[in-house]
Every structure is written in C-alpha cells, then in structure tokens.
C-alpha atoms as a PDB file:
ATOM      1  CA  MET A   1     104.052 115.097  60.461  1.00  0.00           C
ATOM      2  CA  GLY A   2     106.690 115.164  63.149  1.00  0.00           C
ATOM      3  CA  ARG A   3     105.940 115.490  66.789  1.00  0.00           C
ATOM      4  CA  MET A   4     105.853 119.087  67.959  1.00  0.00           C
ATOM      5  CA  THR A   5     107.848 120.108  70.980  1.00  0.00           C
ATOM      6  CA  PRO A   6     105.670 121.865  73.540  1.00  0.00           C
ATOM      7  CA  PRO A   7     106.617 125.488  74.175  1.00  0.00           C
ATOM      8  CA  THR A   8     108.574 126.279  77.305  1.00  0.00           C
ATOM      9  CA  ILE A   9     107.517 128.920  79.765  1.00  0.00           C
ATOM     10  CA  GLU A  10     110.038 130.575  82.015  1.00  0.00           C
ATOM     11  CA  ILE A  11     109.117 131.090  85.645  1.00  0.00           C
ATOM     12  CA  SER A  12     111.200 131.986  88.653  1.00  0.00           C
ATOM     13  CA  ALA A  13     112.609 129.277  90.901  1.00  0.00           C
ATOM     14  CA  SER A  14     110.516 130.535  93.806  1.00  0.00           C
ATOM     15  CA  GLU A  15     107.346 130.411  91.716  1.00  0.00           C
ATOM     16  CA  PHE A  16     108.163 126.865  90.575  1.00  0.00           C
ATOM     17  CA  ALA A  17     108.774 125.823  94.194  1.00  0.00           C
ATOM     18  CA  ARG A  18     105.541 127.426  95.350  1.00  0.00           C
ATOM     19  CA  SER A  19     103.551 125.720  92.588  1.00  0.00           C
ATOM     20  CA  ASN A  20     105.153 122.301  93.057  1.00  0.00           C
ATOM     21  CA  LYS A  21     105.473 121.818  96.835  1.00  0.00           C
ATOM     22  CA  ALA A  22     104.276 118.210  96.803  1.00  0.00           C
ATOM     23  CA  LEU A  23     106.635 117.272  93.965  1.00  0.00           C
ATOM     24  CA  LEU A  24     109.582 118.862  95.775  1.00  0.00           C
ATOM     25  CA  THR A  25     108.655 117.047  98.997  1.00  0.00           C
ATOM     26  CA  LEU A  26     108.721 113.777  97.060  1.00  0.00           C
ATOM     27  CA  LEU A  27     112.066 114.590  95.388  1.00  0.00           C
ATOM     28  CA  ARG A  28     113.676 115.567  98.706  1.00  0.00           C
ATOM     29  CA  ALA A  29     112.516 112.282 100.250  1.00  0.00           C
ATOM     30  CA  VAL A  30     113.952 110.298  97.321  1.00  0.00           C
ATOM     31  CA  HIS A  31     117.182 112.319  97.587  1.00  0.00           C
ATOM     32  CA  ASP A  32     117.441 111.662 101.326  1.00  0.00           C
ATOM     33  CA  ALA A  33     117.136 107.909 100.696  1.00  0.00           C
ATOM     34  CA  GLY A  34     120.492 107.976  98.920  1.00  0.00           C
ATOM     35  CA  LYS A  35     121.767 106.107  95.883  1.00  0.00           C
ATOM     36  CA  GLN A  36     119.906 102.892  96.744  1.00  0.00           C
ATOM     37  CA  GLY A  37     116.573 104.709  96.482  1.00  0.00           C
ATOM     38  CA  VAL A  38     113.401 104.167  98.459  1.00  0.00           C
ATOM     39  CA  SER A  39     110.556 101.726  97.904  1.00  0.00           C
ATOM     40  CA  THR A  40     107.320 103.316  96.793  1.00  0.00           C
ATOM     41  CA  ARG A  41     105.516 102.061  99.886  1.00  0.00           C
ATOM     42  CA  ALA A  42     108.143 103.544 102.224  1.00  0.00           C
ATOM     43  CA  LEU A  43     108.139 106.775 100.210  1.00  0.00           C
ATOM     44  CA  TYR A  44     104.371 107.208 100.541  1.00  0.00           C
ATOM     45  CA  LYS A  45     104.560 106.520 104.252  1.00  0.00           C
ATOM     46  CA  GLN A  46     107.374 109.023 104.680  1.00  0.00           C
ATOM     47  CA  ILE A  47     105.656 111.844 102.787  1.00  0.00           C
ATOM     48  CA  ARG A  48     102.190 110.849 104.040  1.00  0.00           C
ATOM     49  CA  MET A  49     100.607 110.435 100.600  1.00  0.00           C
ATOM     50  CA  THR A  50      98.619 107.601  99.133  1.00  0.00           C
ATOM     51  CA  GLY A  51      96.293 108.167  96.146  1.00  0.00           C
ATOM     52  CA  TYR A  52      97.822 111.443  94.997  1.00  0.00           C
ATOM     53  CA  GLY A  53     101.265 109.943  95.532  1.00  0.00           C
ATOM     54  CA  ASP A  54     100.776 107.640  92.530  1.00  0.00           C
ATOM     55  CA  SER A  55     100.158 110.615  90.251  1.00  0.00           C
ATOM     56  CA  LEU A  56     103.096 112.490  91.697  1.00  0.00           C
ATOM     57  CA  VAL A  57     105.482 109.567  91.198  1.00  0.00           C
ATOM     58  CA  ARG A  58     104.302 109.191  87.599  1.00  0.00           C
ATOM     59  CA  ILE A  59     104.855 112.910  86.971  1.00  0.00           C
ATOM     60  CA  ALA A  60     108.323 112.814  88.554  1.00  0.00           C
ATOM     61  CA  GLU A  61     109.261 109.804  86.420  1.00  0.00           C
ATOM     62  CA  LYS A  62     107.782 111.233  83.205  1.00  0.00           C
ATOM     63  CA  GLU A  63     109.638 114.521  83.705  1.00  0.00           C
ATOM     64  CA  GLY A  64     112.882 112.629  84.305  1.00  0.00           C
ATOM     65  CA  TYR A  65     113.406 113.639  87.952  1.00  0.00           C
ATOM     66  CA  ILE A  66     113.371 110.031  89.181  1.00  0.00           C
ATOM     67  CA  TYR A  67     113.699 106.590  87.683  1.00  0.00           C
ATOM     68  CA  ARG A  68     112.136 103.432  89.047  1.00  0.00           C
ATOM     69  CA  GLU A  69     113.446  99.910  89.198  1.00  0.00           C
ATOM     70  CA  LYS A  70     112.039  96.635  90.473  1.00  0.00           C
ATOM     71  CA  ARG A  71     114.087  94.663  92.946  1.00  0.00           C
ATOM     72  CA  GLN A  72     113.773  92.191  95.761  1.00  0.00           C
ATOM     73  CA  ILE A  73     114.906  92.970  99.263  1.00  0.00           C
ATOM     74  CA  ASP A  74     115.803  89.304  99.765  1.00  0.00           C
ATOM     75  CA  ASP A  75     116.035  86.335  97.372  1.00  0.00           C
ATOM     76  CA  LYS A  76     112.629  84.845  98.182  1.00  0.00           C
ATOM     77  CA  GLY A  77     110.716  87.985  99.045  1.00  0.00           C
ATOM     78  CA  PRO A  78     108.328  90.024  96.923  1.00  0.00           C
ATOM     79  CA  TRP A  79     109.481  92.505  94.289  1.00  0.00           C
ATOM     80  CA  TYR A  80     109.290  96.209  95.153  1.00  0.00           C
ATOM     81  CA  LYS A  81     109.550  99.315  92.991  1.00  0.00           C
ATOM     82  CA  PHE A  82     112.364 101.577  94.140  1.00  0.00           C
ATOM     83  CA  ASN A  83     112.514 105.268  93.291  1.00  0.00           C
ATOM     84  CA  ILE A  84     115.936 106.800  92.626  1.00  0.00           C
ATOM     85  CA  LEU A  85     116.754 110.454  92.007  1.00  0.00           C
ATOM     86  CA  THR A  86     118.222 111.220  88.572  1.00  0.00           C
ATOM     87  CA  LYS A  87     120.869 113.822  87.796  1.00  0.00           C
ATOM     88  CA  LYS A  88     118.083 116.036  86.470  1.00  0.00           C
ATOM     89  CA  GLY A  89     116.221 115.696  89.778  1.00  0.00           C
ATOM     90  CA  GLN A  90     119.396 116.504  91.715  1.00  0.00           C
ATOM     91  CA  ARG A  91     120.011 119.591  89.536  1.00  0.00           C
ATOM     92  CA  LEU A  92     116.464 120.781  90.167  1.00  0.00           C
ATOM     93  CA  LEU A  93     116.845 120.468  93.936  1.00  0.00           C
ATOM     94  CA  THR A  94     120.218 122.220  93.792  1.00  0.00           C
ATOM     95  CA  GLN A  95     118.864 125.066  91.651  1.00  0.00           C
ATOM     96  CA  LEU A  96     116.001 125.551  94.085  1.00  0.00           C
ATOM     97  CA  GLY A  97     118.359 125.564  97.058  1.00  0.00           C
ATOM     98  CA  HIS A  98     117.046 122.334  98.545  1.00  0.00           C
ATOM     99  CA  ARG A  99     120.342 120.399  98.481  1.00  0.00           C
END
C-alpha cells in the first residue's frame, strides 16, 4: 500500500500564530540572522530556549521552514549546525505579517 497523505485542516492565520508562538519566535530569529543563518547554540541563547528548543528546531526542519547545515567558523575550529530560513519559512512569516 502507498503512503497516505495526512488530511489538511484549515485555520486562520491568527489562530495559527496564537497556537505556534514559540515556533514563530524561532523562525523570526532565524530570519533576522540573514542568509548566513544562525548557529543552534546562538539561536537558543537568543530565544532563551534549551530543552524545548531541540524539539522546536526538529519540527521547523521537518515541516520545511528551516534547513540545517554543518560548517566551521574557522578552519581549525569545531563544526556547528547553522539554521537557515527556507522559502517556505519566509512565506509563512510574510503571510502572518511578521516580515
């Protein structure tokens, strides 16, 4: 059997925003970082989240609002995960009047 597509439910933009405040805070912070993105550590510090932040980042990535890439800040330094807003994430913020 093929994989079933989950049903969609329509809700208003204001209801979505009200129900997803933490996600929108995360997306705005990633947006504000610009095209280069923001490291996960810096993102958590900026939005003041730790444990729940991991779940939120995973949700944002799974839903296609952000993508993540590993990179070094300098040639010999450690690798960091950077979070970058996708076009879908930008459209969501625009539709909700956040950018």
